[in-house]
Amino acid sequence: MNFQNLMKQAQKLQEKMAKVQEELAAKTVEATSGGGMVTAVVNGKFELMSIRIEKDVVNPDDIDMLQDLIVAAVNEGVRKAQEMASAEMAKVTGGMKLPGMM
């Protein structure tokens, strides 16, 4: 294999990875905490897109519990988004770990 062919393959891989990253930005995952009392929606760029809180969990006397449920739902959403992104990138890279990629 010559250097020129290697560079062409690297460029194709880079283009595929950019396309996957673009597609991931449009995909979302949902995560819940408190038995579904708090739901976080996170996209493939690891951005929090929305958060839903059931009225039953809102208790002015226990704000700490609500804050904990929000943190748990968001963290689980980010974890799921990372798993989704890793799985999509693995399809492009054949499971090869590339520095700086997810």
PDB file of N, CA and C in Angstrom:
ATOM      1  N   MET A   1       0.854  -1.176   0.000  1.00  0.00           N
ATOM      2  CA  MET A   1       0.000   0.000   0.000  1.00  0.00           C
ATOM      3  C   MET A   1       0.898   1.237   0.000  1.00  0.00           C
ATOM      4  N   ASN A   2       0.619   2.149  -0.895  1.00  0.00           N
ATOM      5  CA  ASN A   2       1.448   3.339  -0.940  1.00  0.00           C
ATOM      6  C   ASN A   2       0.840   4.465  -0.113  1.00  0.00           C
ATOM      7  N   PHE A   3       1.617   5.490   0.077  1.00  0.00           N
ATOM      8  CA  PHE A   3       1.221   6.616   0.924  1.00  0.00           C
ATOM      9  C   PHE A   3      -0.016   7.325   0.379  1.00  0.00           C
ATOM     10  N   GLN A   4      -0.122   7.446  -0.911  1.00  0.00           N
ATOM     11  CA  GLN A   4      -1.258   8.139  -1.523  1.00  0.00           C
ATOM     12  C   GLN A   4      -2.567   7.382  -1.248  1.00  0.00           C
ATOM     13  N   ASN A   5      -2.526   6.067  -1.365  1.00  0.00           N
ATOM     14  CA  ASN A   5      -3.716   5.268  -1.068  1.00  0.00           C
ATOM     15  C   ASN A   5      -4.094   5.383   0.405  1.00  0.00           C
ATOM     16  N   LEU A   6      -3.104   5.395   1.261  1.00  0.00           N
ATOM     17  CA  LEU A   6      -3.339   5.528   2.696  1.00  0.00           C
ATOM     18  C   LEU A   6      -4.005   6.865   3.006  1.00  0.00           C
ATOM     19  N   MET A   7      -3.543   7.921   2.360  1.00  0.00           N
ATOM     20  CA  MET A   7      -4.127   9.245   2.567  1.00  0.00           C
ATOM     21  C   MET A   7      -5.571   9.298   2.057  1.00  0.00           C
ATOM     22  N   LYS A   8      -5.855   8.635   0.925  1.00  0.00           N
ATOM     23  CA  LYS A   8      -7.215   8.595   0.401  1.00  0.00           C
ATOM     24  C   LYS A   8      -8.147   7.862   1.373  1.00  0.00           C
ATOM     25  N   GLN A   9      -7.673   6.760   1.930  1.00  0.00           N
ATOM     26  CA  GLN A   9      -8.477   6.006   2.887  1.00  0.00           C
ATOM     27  C   GLN A   9      -8.728   6.825   4.149  1.00  0.00           C
ATOM     28  N   ALA A  10      -7.699   7.531   4.596  1.00  0.00           N
ATOM     29  CA  ALA A  10      -7.855   8.365   5.796  1.00  0.00           C
ATOM     30  C   ALA A  10      -8.865   9.477   5.534  1.00  0.00           C
ATOM     31  N   GLN A  11      -8.851  10.045   4.357  1.00  0.00           N
ATOM     32  CA  GLN A  11      -9.784  11.106   4.010  1.00  0.00           C
ATOM     33  C   GLN A  11     -11.216  10.568   3.960  1.00  0.00           C
ATOM     34  N   LYS A  12     -11.397   9.373   3.387  1.00  0.00           N
ATOM     35  CA  LYS A  12     -12.725   8.756   3.333  1.00  0.00           C
ATOM     36  C   LYS A  12     -13.235   8.474   4.748  1.00  0.00           C
ATOM     37  N   LEU A  13     -12.359   7.978   5.596  1.00  0.00           N
ATOM     38  CA  LEU A  13     -12.727   7.699   6.977  1.00  0.00           C
ATOM     39  C   LEU A  13     -13.127   8.982   7.690  1.00  0.00           C
ATOM     40  N   GLN A  14     -12.378  10.030   7.475  1.00  0.00           N
ATOM     41  CA  GLN A  14     -12.682  11.323   8.079  1.00  0.00           C
ATOM     42  C   GLN A  14     -14.040  11.839   7.609  1.00  0.00           C
ATOM     43  N   GLU A  15     -14.341  11.685   6.329  1.00  0.00           N
ATOM     44  CA  GLU A  15     -15.629  12.120   5.790  1.00  0.00           C
ATOM     45  C   GLU A  15     -16.780  11.313   6.396  1.00  0.00           C
ATOM     46  N   LYS A  16     -16.582  10.005   6.519  1.00  0.00           N
ATOM     47  CA  LYS A  16     -17.616   9.150   7.115  1.00  0.00           C
ATOM     48  C   LYS A  16     -17.854   9.530   8.577  1.00  0.00           C
ATOM     49  N   MET A  17     -16.776   9.787   9.286  1.00  0.00           N
ATOM     50  CA  MET A  17     -16.894  10.143  10.699  1.00  0.00           C
ATOM     51  C   MET A  17     -17.610  11.487  10.859  1.00  0.00           C
ATOM     52  N   ALA A  18     -17.333  12.428   9.991  1.00  0.00           N
ATOM     53  CA  ALA A  18     -18.015  13.731  10.043  1.00  0.00           C
ATOM     54  C   ALA A  18     -19.506  13.556   9.784  1.00  0.00           C
ATOM     55  N   LYS A  19     -19.847  12.684   8.845  1.00  0.00           N
ATOM     56  CA  LYS A  19     -21.257  12.420   8.549  1.00  0.00           C
ATOM     57  C   LYS A  19     -21.948  11.788   9.758  1.00  0.00           C
ATOM     58  N   VAL A  20     -21.288  10.835  10.397  1.00  0.00           N
ATOM     59  CA  VAL A  20     -21.862  10.191  11.575  1.00  0.00           C
ATOM     60  C   VAL A  20     -22.060  11.211  12.693  1.00  0.00           C
ATOM     61  N   GLN A  21     -21.098  12.087  12.897  1.00  0.00           N
ATOM     62  CA  GLN A  21     -21.235  13.114  13.935  1.00  0.00           C
ATOM     63  C   GLN A  21     -22.415  14.038  13.633  1.00  0.00           C
ATOM     64  N   GLU A  22     -22.599  14.353  12.370  1.00  0.00           N
ATOM     65  CA  GLU A  22     -23.735  15.187  11.974  1.00  0.00           C
ATOM     66  C   GLU A  22     -25.054  14.457  12.253  1.00  0.00           C
ATOM     67  N   GLU A  23     -25.097  13.180  11.925  1.00  0.00           N
ATOM     68  CA  GLU A  23     -26.295  12.380  12.174  1.00  0.00           C
ATOM     69  C   GLU A  23     -26.563  12.243  13.678  1.00  0.00           C
ATOM     70  N   LEU A  24     -25.505  12.094  14.460  1.00  0.00           N
ATOM     71  CA  LEU A  24     -25.658  11.964  15.913  1.00  0.00           C
ATOM     72  C   LEU A  24     -26.285  13.212  16.520  1.00  0.00           C
ATOM     73  N   ALA A  25     -25.984  14.361  15.965  1.00  0.00           N
ATOM     74  CA  ALA A  25     -26.540  15.607  16.494  1.00  0.00           C
ATOM     75  C   ALA A  25     -28.055  15.608  16.408  1.00  0.00           C
ATOM     76  N   ALA A  26     -28.604  14.865  15.445  1.00  0.00           N
ATOM     77  CA  ALA A  26     -30.054  14.811  15.262  1.00  0.00           C
ATOM     78  C   ALA A  26     -30.710  13.694  16.080  1.00  0.00           C
ATOM     79  N   LYS A  27     -29.912  12.783  16.615  1.00  0.00           N
ATOM     80  CA  LYS A  27     -30.460  11.677  17.399  1.00  0.00           C
ATOM     81  C   LYS A  27     -30.512  12.047  18.877  1.00  0.00           C
ATOM     82  N   THR A  28     -31.490  11.488  19.554  1.00  0.00           N
ATOM     83  CA  THR A  28     -31.620  11.747  20.991  1.00  0.00           C
ATOM     84  C   THR A  28     -31.819  10.444  21.757  1.00  0.00           C
ATOM     85  N   VAL A  29     -31.513  10.506  23.035  1.00  0.00           N
ATOM     86  CA  VAL A  29     -31.798   9.417  23.959  1.00  0.00           C
ATOM     87  C   VAL A  29     -32.556  10.008  25.142  1.00  0.00           C
ATOM     88  N   GLU A  30     -33.344   9.170  25.786  1.00  0.00           N
ATOM     89  CA  GLU A  30     -34.079   9.589  26.979  1.00  0.00           C
ATOM     90  C   GLU A  30     -33.586   8.788  28.161  1.00  0.00           C
ATOM     91  N   ALA A  31     -33.534   9.442  29.298  1.00  0.00           N
ATOM     92  CA  ALA A  31     -33.179   8.768  30.540  1.00  0.00           C
ATOM     93  C   ALA A  31     -34.087   9.304  31.635  1.00  0.00           C
ATOM     94  N   THR A  32     -34.443   8.427  32.561  1.00  0.00           N
ATOM     95  CA  THR A  32     -35.336   8.833  33.638  1.00  0.00           C
ATOM     96  C   THR A  32     -34.711   8.532  34.986  1.00  0.00           C
ATOM     97  N   SER A  33     -35.258   9.167  35.988  1.00  0.00           N
ATOM     98  CA  SER A  33     -34.893   8.859  37.369  1.00  0.00           C
ATOM     99  C   SER A  33     -36.157   8.969  38.209  1.00  0.00           C
ATOM    100  N   GLY A  34     -36.093   8.420  39.399  1.00  0.00           N
ATOM    101  CA  GLY A  34     -37.246   8.477  40.288  1.00  0.00           C
ATOM    102  C   GLY A  34     -38.438   7.736  39.734  1.00  0.00           C
ATOM    103  N   GLY A  35     -38.182   6.620  39.051  1.00  0.00           N
ATOM    104  CA  GLY A  35     -39.281   5.849  38.489  1.00  0.00           C
ATOM    105  C   GLY A  35     -40.042   6.593  37.411  1.00  0.00           C
ATOM    106  N   GLY A  36     -39.351   7.441  36.669  1.00  0.00           N
ATOM    107  CA  GLY A  36     -39.967   8.189  35.590  1.00  0.00           C
ATOM    108  C   GLY A  36     -40.461   9.564  35.996  1.00  0.00           C
ATOM    109  N   MET A  37     -40.149   9.977  37.209  1.00  0.00           N
ATOM    110  CA  MET A  37     -40.606  11.287  37.673  1.00  0.00           C
ATOM    111  C   MET A  37     -39.853  12.431  36.994  1.00  0.00           C
ATOM    112  N   VAL A  38     -38.591  12.168  36.600  1.00  0.00           N
ATOM    113  CA  VAL A  38     -37.785  13.160  35.876  1.00  0.00           C
ATOM    114  C   VAL A  38     -37.249  12.478  34.620  1.00  0.00           C
ATOM    115  N   THR A  39     -37.425  13.129  33.473  1.00  0.00           N
ATOM    116  CA  THR A  39     -36.940  12.596  32.203  1.00  0.00           C
ATOM    117  C   THR A  39     -36.048  13.637  31.547  1.00  0.00           C
ATOM    118  N   ALA A  40     -34.849  13.195  31.154  1.00  0.00           N
ATOM    119  CA  ALA A  40     -33.905  14.060  30.446  1.00  0.00           C
ATOM    120  C   ALA A  40     -33.747  13.536  29.026  1.00  0.00           C
ATOM    121  N   VAL A  41     -33.716  14.448  28.068  1.00  0.00           N
ATOM    122  CA  VAL A  41     -33.472  14.100  26.670  1.00  0.00           C
ATOM    123  C   VAL A  41     -32.144  14.741  26.272  1.00  0.00           C
ATOM    124  N   VAL A  42     -31.210  13.894  25.805  1.00  0.00           N
ATOM    125  CA  VAL A  42     -29.861  14.328  25.456  1.00  0.00           C
ATOM    126  C   VAL A  42     -29.598  13.925  24.006  1.00  0.00           C
ATOM    127  N   ASN A  43     -28.959  14.811  23.241  1.00  0.00           N
ATOM    128  CA  ASN A  43     -28.657  14.466  21.854  1.00  0.00           C
ATOM    129  C   ASN A  43     -27.269  13.843  21.736  1.00  0.00           C
ATOM    130  N   GLY A  44     -26.926  13.448  20.510  1.00  0.00           N
ATOM    131  CA  GLY A  44     -25.658  12.791  20.246  1.00  0.00           C
ATOM    132  C   GLY A  44     -24.444  13.687  20.365  1.00  0.00           C
ATOM    133  N   LYS A  45     -24.676  14.978  20.580  1.00  0.00           N
ATOM    134  CA  LYS A  45     -23.574  15.908  20.843  1.00  0.00           C
ATOM    135  C   LYS A  45     -23.439  16.140  22.345  1.00  0.00           C
ATOM    136  N   PHE A  46     -24.163  15.344  23.123  1.00  0.00           N
ATOM    137  CA  PHE A  46     -24.151  15.382  24.592  1.00  0.00           C
ATOM    138  C   PHE A  46     -24.738  16.675  25.142  1.00  0.00           C
ATOM    139  N   GLU A  47     -25.703  17.234  24.415  1.00  0.00           N
ATOM    140  CA  GLU A  47     -26.381  18.443  24.858  1.00  0.00           C
ATOM    141  C   GLU A  47     -27.736  18.064  25.452  1.00  0.00           C
ATOM    142  N   LEU A  48     -28.066  18.666  26.577  1.00  0.00           N
ATOM    143  CA  LEU A  48     -29.379  18.465  27.176  1.00  0.00           C
ATOM    144  C   LEU A  48     -30.395  19.206  26.328  1.00  0.00           C
ATOM    145  N   MET A  49     -31.341  18.478  25.736  1.00  0.00           N
ATOM    146  CA  MET A  49     -32.331  19.081  24.848  1.00  0.00           C
ATOM    147  C   MET A  49     -33.601  19.473  25.604  1.00  0.00           C
ATOM    148  N   SER A  50     -33.989  18.636  26.565  1.00  0.00           N
ATOM    149  CA  SER A  50     -35.177  18.957  27.356  1.00  0.00           C
ATOM    150  C   SER A  50     -35.161  18.170  28.652  1.00  0.00           C
ATOM    151  N   ILE A  51     -35.969  18.644  29.568  1.00  0.00           N
ATOM    152  CA  ILE A  51     -36.135  17.954  30.843  1.00  0.00           C
ATOM    153  C   ILE A  51     -37.611  18.063  31.213  1.00  0.00           C
ATOM    154  N   ARG A  52     -38.180  16.933  31.615  1.00  0.00           N
ATOM    155  CA  ARG A  52     -39.583  16.910  32.040  1.00  0.00           C
ATOM    156  C   ARG A  52     -39.633  16.479  33.502  1.00  0.00           C
ATOM    157  N   ILE A  53     -40.431  17.192  34.263  1.00  0.00           N
ATOM    158  CA  ILE A  53     -40.574  16.898  35.689  1.00  0.00           C
ATOM    159  C   ILE A  53     -42.060  16.711  35.984  1.00  0.00           C
ATOM    160  N   GLU A  54     -42.405  15.563  36.525  1.00  0.00           N
ATOM    161  CA  GLU A  54     -43.794  15.306  36.890  1.00  0.00           C
ATOM    162  C   GLU A  54     -44.170  16.178  38.088  1.00  0.00           C
ATOM    163  N   LYS A  55     -45.386  16.665  38.093  1.00  0.00           N
ATOM    164  CA  LYS A  55     -45.848  17.553  39.162  1.00  0.00           C
ATOM    165  C   LYS A  55     -45.750  16.900  40.536  1.00  0.00           C
ATOM    166  N   ASP A  56     -45.970  15.592  40.589  1.00  0.00           N
ATOM    167  CA  ASP A  56     -45.974  14.882  41.876  1.00  0.00           C
ATOM    168  C   ASP A  56     -44.642  14.960  42.610  1.00  0.00           C
ATOM    169  N   VAL A  57     -43.552  15.154  41.892  1.00  0.00           N
ATOM    170  CA  VAL A  57     -42.238  15.152  42.519  1.00  0.00           C
ATOM    171  C   VAL A  57     -41.851  16.540  43.032  1.00  0.00           C
ATOM    172  N   VAL A  58     -42.603  17.553  42.647  1.00  0.00           N
ATOM    173  CA  VAL A  58     -42.287  18.911  43.076  1.00  0.00           C
ATOM    174  C   VAL A  58     -42.848  19.137  44.484  1.00  0.00           C
ATOM    175  N   ASN A  59     -41.925  19.212  45.429  1.00  0.00           N
ATOM    176  CA  ASN A  59     -42.282  19.435  46.829  1.00  0.00           C
ATOM    177  C   ASN A  59     -41.387  20.559  47.344  1.00  0.00           C
ATOM    178  N   PRO A  60     -41.960  21.714  47.630  1.00  0.00           N
ATOM    179  CA  PRO A  60     -41.132  22.837  48.078  1.00  0.00           C
ATOM    180  C   PRO A  60     -40.336  22.549  49.348  1.00  0.00           C
ATOM    181  N   ASP A  61     -40.779  21.562  50.102  1.00  0.00           N
ATOM    182  CA  ASP A  61     -40.073  21.214  51.336  1.00  0.00           C
ATOM    183  C   ASP A  61     -38.932  20.225  51.098  1.00  0.00           C
ATOM    184  N   ASP A  62     -38.798  19.714  49.873  1.00  0.00           N
ATOM    185  CA  ASP A  62     -37.746  18.733  49.585  1.00  0.00           C
ATOM    186  C   ASP A  62     -37.116  19.014  48.221  1.00  0.00           C
ATOM    187  N   ILE A  63     -36.594  20.191  48.068  1.00  0.00           N
ATOM    188  CA  ILE A  63     -35.930  20.596  46.817  1.00  0.00           C
ATOM    189  C   ILE A  63     -34.697  19.731  46.554  1.00  0.00           C
ATOM    190  N   ASP A  64     -34.022  19.303  47.610  1.00  0.00           N
ATOM    191  CA  ASP A  64     -32.812  18.479  47.440  1.00  0.00           C
ATOM    192  C   ASP A  64     -33.113  17.204  46.662  1.00  0.00           C
ATOM    193  N   MET A  65     -34.239  16.558  46.944  1.00  0.00           N
ATOM    194  CA  MET A  65     -34.586  15.333  46.233  1.00  0.00           C
ATOM    195  C   MET A  65     -34.806  15.628  44.749  1.00  0.00           C
ATOM    196  N   LEU A  66     -35.505  16.698  44.441  1.00  0.00           N
ATOM    197  CA  LEU A  66     -35.745  17.059  43.051  1.00  0.00           C
ATOM    198  C   LEU A  66     -34.434  17.342  42.331  1.00  0.00           C
ATOM    199  N   GLN A  67     -33.542  18.060  42.968  1.00  0.00           N
ATOM    200  CA  GLN A  67     -32.236  18.347  42.362  1.00  0.00           C
ATOM    201  C   GLN A  67     -31.463  17.057  42.109  1.00  0.00           C
ATOM    202  N   ASP A  68     -31.497  16.132  43.059  1.00  0.00           N
ATOM    203  CA  ASP A  68     -30.805  14.847  42.883  1.00  0.00           C
ATOM    204  C   ASP A  68     -31.394  14.059  41.716  1.00  0.00           C
ATOM    205  N   LEU A  69     -32.718  14.064  41.586  1.00  0.00           N
ATOM    206  CA  LEU A  69     -33.366  13.354  40.483  1.00  0.00           C
ATOM    207  C   LEU A  69     -32.997  13.966  39.141  1.00  0.00           C
ATOM    208  N   ILE A  70     -32.913  15.278  39.076  1.00  0.00           N
ATOM    209  CA  ILE A  70     -32.526  15.953  37.830  1.00  0.00           C
ATOM    210  C   ILE A  70     -31.092  15.591  37.456  1.00  0.00           C
ATOM    211  N   VAL A  71     -30.193  15.663  38.413  1.00  0.00           N
ATOM    212  CA  VAL A  71     -28.790  15.321  38.153  1.00  0.00           C
ATOM    213  C   VAL A  71     -28.677  13.869  37.686  1.00  0.00           C
ATOM    214  N   ALA A  72     -29.392  12.962  38.346  1.00  0.00           N
ATOM    215  CA  ALA A  72     -29.333  11.547  37.974  1.00  0.00           C
ATOM    216  C   ALA A  72     -29.852  11.325  36.559  1.00  0.00           C
ATOM    217  N   ALA A  73     -30.955  11.958  36.208  1.00  0.00           N
ATOM    218  CA  ALA A  73     -31.522  11.784  34.866  1.00  0.00           C
ATOM    219  C   ALA A  73     -30.594  12.354  33.791  1.00  0.00           C
ATOM    220  N   VAL A  74     -30.033  13.521  34.040  1.00  0.00           N
ATOM    221  CA  VAL A  74     -29.129  14.130  33.058  1.00  0.00           C
ATOM    222  C   VAL A  74     -27.870  13.285  32.903  1.00  0.00           C
ATOM    223  N   ASN A  75     -27.293  12.846  34.008  1.00  0.00           N
ATOM    224  CA  ASN A  75     -26.083  12.016  33.920  1.00  0.00           C
ATOM    225  C   ASN A  75     -26.351  10.711  33.173  1.00  0.00           C
ATOM    226  N   GLU A  76     -27.491  10.100  33.415  1.00  0.00           N
ATOM    227  CA  GLU A  76     -27.841   8.865  32.703  1.00  0.00           C
ATOM    228  C   GLU A  76     -28.064   9.160  31.217  1.00  0.00           C
ATOM    229  N   GLY A  77     -28.655  10.294  30.912  1.00  0.00           N
ATOM    230  CA  GLY A  77     -28.842  10.683  29.513  1.00  0.00           C
ATOM    231  C   GLY A  77     -27.520  10.875  28.795  1.00  0.00           C
ATOM    232  N   VAL A  78     -26.583  11.520  29.441  1.00  0.00           N
ATOM    233  CA  VAL A  78     -25.257  11.728  28.843  1.00  0.00           C
ATOM    234  C   VAL A  78     -24.561  10.379  28.651  1.00  0.00           C
ATOM    235  N   ARG A  79     -24.677   9.482  29.635  1.00  0.00           N
ATOM    236  CA  ARG A  79     -24.065   8.153  29.511  1.00  0.00           C
ATOM    237  C   ARG A  79     -24.652   7.405  28.315  1.00  0.00           C
ATOM    238  N   LYS A  80     -25.978   7.451  28.164  1.00  0.00           N
ATOM    239  CA  LYS A  80     -26.621   6.781  27.036  1.00  0.00           C
ATOM    240  C   LYS A  80     -26.203   7.409  25.704  1.00  0.00           C
ATOM    241  N   ALA A  81     -26.081   8.717  25.668  1.00  0.00           N
ATOM    242  CA  ALA A  81     -25.654   9.402  24.449  1.00  0.00           C
ATOM    243  C   ALA A  81     -24.225   9.007  24.084  1.00  0.00           C
ATOM    244  N   GLN A  82     -23.361   8.864  25.098  1.00  0.00           N
ATOM    245  CA  GLN A  82     -21.984   8.433  24.841  1.00  0.00           C
ATOM    246  C   GLN A  82     -21.960   7.012  24.282  1.00  0.00           C
ATOM    247  N   GLU A  83     -22.780   6.143  24.834  1.00  0.00           N
ATOM    248  CA  GLU A  83     -22.851   4.768  24.322  1.00  0.00           C
ATOM    249  C   GLU A  83     -23.339   4.759  22.875  1.00  0.00           C
ATOM    250  N   MET A  84     -24.366   5.562  22.584  1.00  0.00           N
ATOM    251  CA  MET A  84     -24.899   5.643  21.230  1.00  0.00           C
ATOM    252  C   MET A  84     -23.824   6.159  20.270  1.00  0.00           C
ATOM    253  N   ALA A  85     -23.125   7.203  20.665  1.00  0.00           N
ATOM    254  CA  ALA A  85     -22.083   7.778  19.814  1.00  0.00           C
ATOM    255  C   ALA A  85     -20.943   6.787  19.587  1.00  0.00           C
ATOM    256  N   SER A  86     -20.544   6.098  20.629  1.00  0.00           N
ATOM    257  CA  SER A  86     -19.468   5.104  20.495  1.00  0.00           C
ATOM    258  C   SER A  86     -19.873   3.982  19.553  1.00  0.00           C
ATOM    259  N   ALA A  87     -21.116   3.525  19.670  1.00  0.00           N
ATOM    260  CA  ALA A  87     -21.593   2.446  18.800  1.00  0.00           C
ATOM    261  C   ALA A  87     -21.635   2.898  17.343  1.00  0.00           C
ATOM    262  N   GLU A  88     -22.081   4.119  17.098  1.00  0.00           N
ATOM    263  CA  GLU A  88     -22.144   4.629  15.726  1.00  0.00           C
ATOM    264  C   GLU A  88     -20.745   4.819  15.147  1.00  0.00           C
ATOM    265  N   MET A  89     -19.825   5.336  15.936  1.00  0.00           N
ATOM    266  CA  MET A  89     -18.453   5.534  15.459  1.00  0.00           C
ATOM    267  C   MET A  89     -17.761   4.191  15.207  1.00  0.00           C
ATOM    268  N   ALA A  90     -18.071   3.203  16.031  1.00  0.00           N
ATOM    269  CA  ALA A  90     -17.465   1.883  15.852  1.00  0.00           C
ATOM    270  C   ALA A  90     -17.865   1.284  14.503  1.00  0.00           C
ATOM    271  N   LYS A  91     -19.062   1.623  14.028  1.00  0.00           N
ATOM    272  CA  LYS A  91     -19.487   1.137  12.710  1.00  0.00           C
ATOM    273  C   LYS A  91     -18.588   1.687  11.614  1.00  0.00           C
ATOM    274  N   VAL A  92     -18.107   2.905  11.795  1.00  0.00           N
ATOM    275  CA  VAL A  92     -17.261   3.555  10.794  1.00  0.00           C
ATOM    276  C   VAL A  92     -15.821   3.099  10.925  1.00  0.00           C
ATOM    277  N   THR A  93     -15.346   3.008  12.161  1.00  0.00           N
ATOM    278  CA  THR A  93     -13.927   2.710  12.390  1.00  0.00           C
ATOM    279  C   THR A  93     -13.649   1.225  12.541  1.00  0.00           C
ATOM    280  N   GLY A  94     -14.682   0.404  12.519  1.00  0.00           N
ATOM    281  CA  GLY A  94     -14.485  -1.025  12.710  1.00  0.00           C
ATOM    282  C   GLY A  94     -14.046  -1.350  14.130  1.00  0.00           C
ATOM    283  N   GLY A  95     -14.404  -0.496  15.083  1.00  0.00           N
ATOM    284  CA  GLY A  95     -14.056  -0.716  16.472  1.00  0.00           C
ATOM    285  C   GLY A  95     -12.683  -0.179  16.860  1.00  0.00           C
ATOM    286  N   MET A  96     -11.953   0.338  15.860  1.00  0.00           N
ATOM    287  CA  MET A  96     -10.622   0.880  16.129  1.00  0.00           C
ATOM    288  C   MET A  96     -10.764   2.172  16.943  1.00  0.00           C
ATOM    289  N   LYS A  97     -10.024   2.293  18.029  1.00  0.00           N
ATOM    290  CA  LYS A  97     -10.061   3.490  18.864  1.00  0.00           C
ATOM    291  C   LYS A  97      -9.157   4.536  18.256  1.00  0.00           C
ATOM    292  N   LEU A  98      -9.741   5.698  17.942  1.00  0.00           N
ATOM    293  CA  LEU A  98      -8.953   6.788  17.379  1.00  0.00           C
ATOM    294  C   LEU A  98      -8.901   7.930  18.391  1.00  0.00           C
ATOM    295  N   PRO A  99      -7.729   8.465  18.652  1.00  0.00           N
ATOM    296  CA  PRO A  99      -7.595   9.551  19.608  1.00  0.00           C
ATOM    297  C   PRO A  99      -8.472  10.736  19.219  1.00  0.00           C
ATOM    298  N   GLY A 100      -9.160  11.299  20.219  1.00  0.00           N
ATOM    299  CA  GLY A 100      -9.980  12.466  19.983  1.00  0.00           C
ATOM    300  C   GLY A 100     -11.364  12.179  19.457  1.00  0.00           C
ATOM    301  N   MET A 101     -11.683  10.921  19.221  1.00  0.00           N
ATOM    302  CA  MET A 101     -13.008  10.559  18.720  1.00  0.00           C
ATOM    303  C   MET A 101     -13.779   9.833  19.804  1.00  0.00           C
ATOM    304  N   MET A 102     -14.822  10.498  20.286  1.00  0.00           N
ATOM    305  CA  MET A 102     -15.730   9.964  21.287  1.00  0.00           C
ATOM    306  C   MET A 102     -15.037   9.073  22.273  1.00  0.00           C
TER     307      MET A 102
END
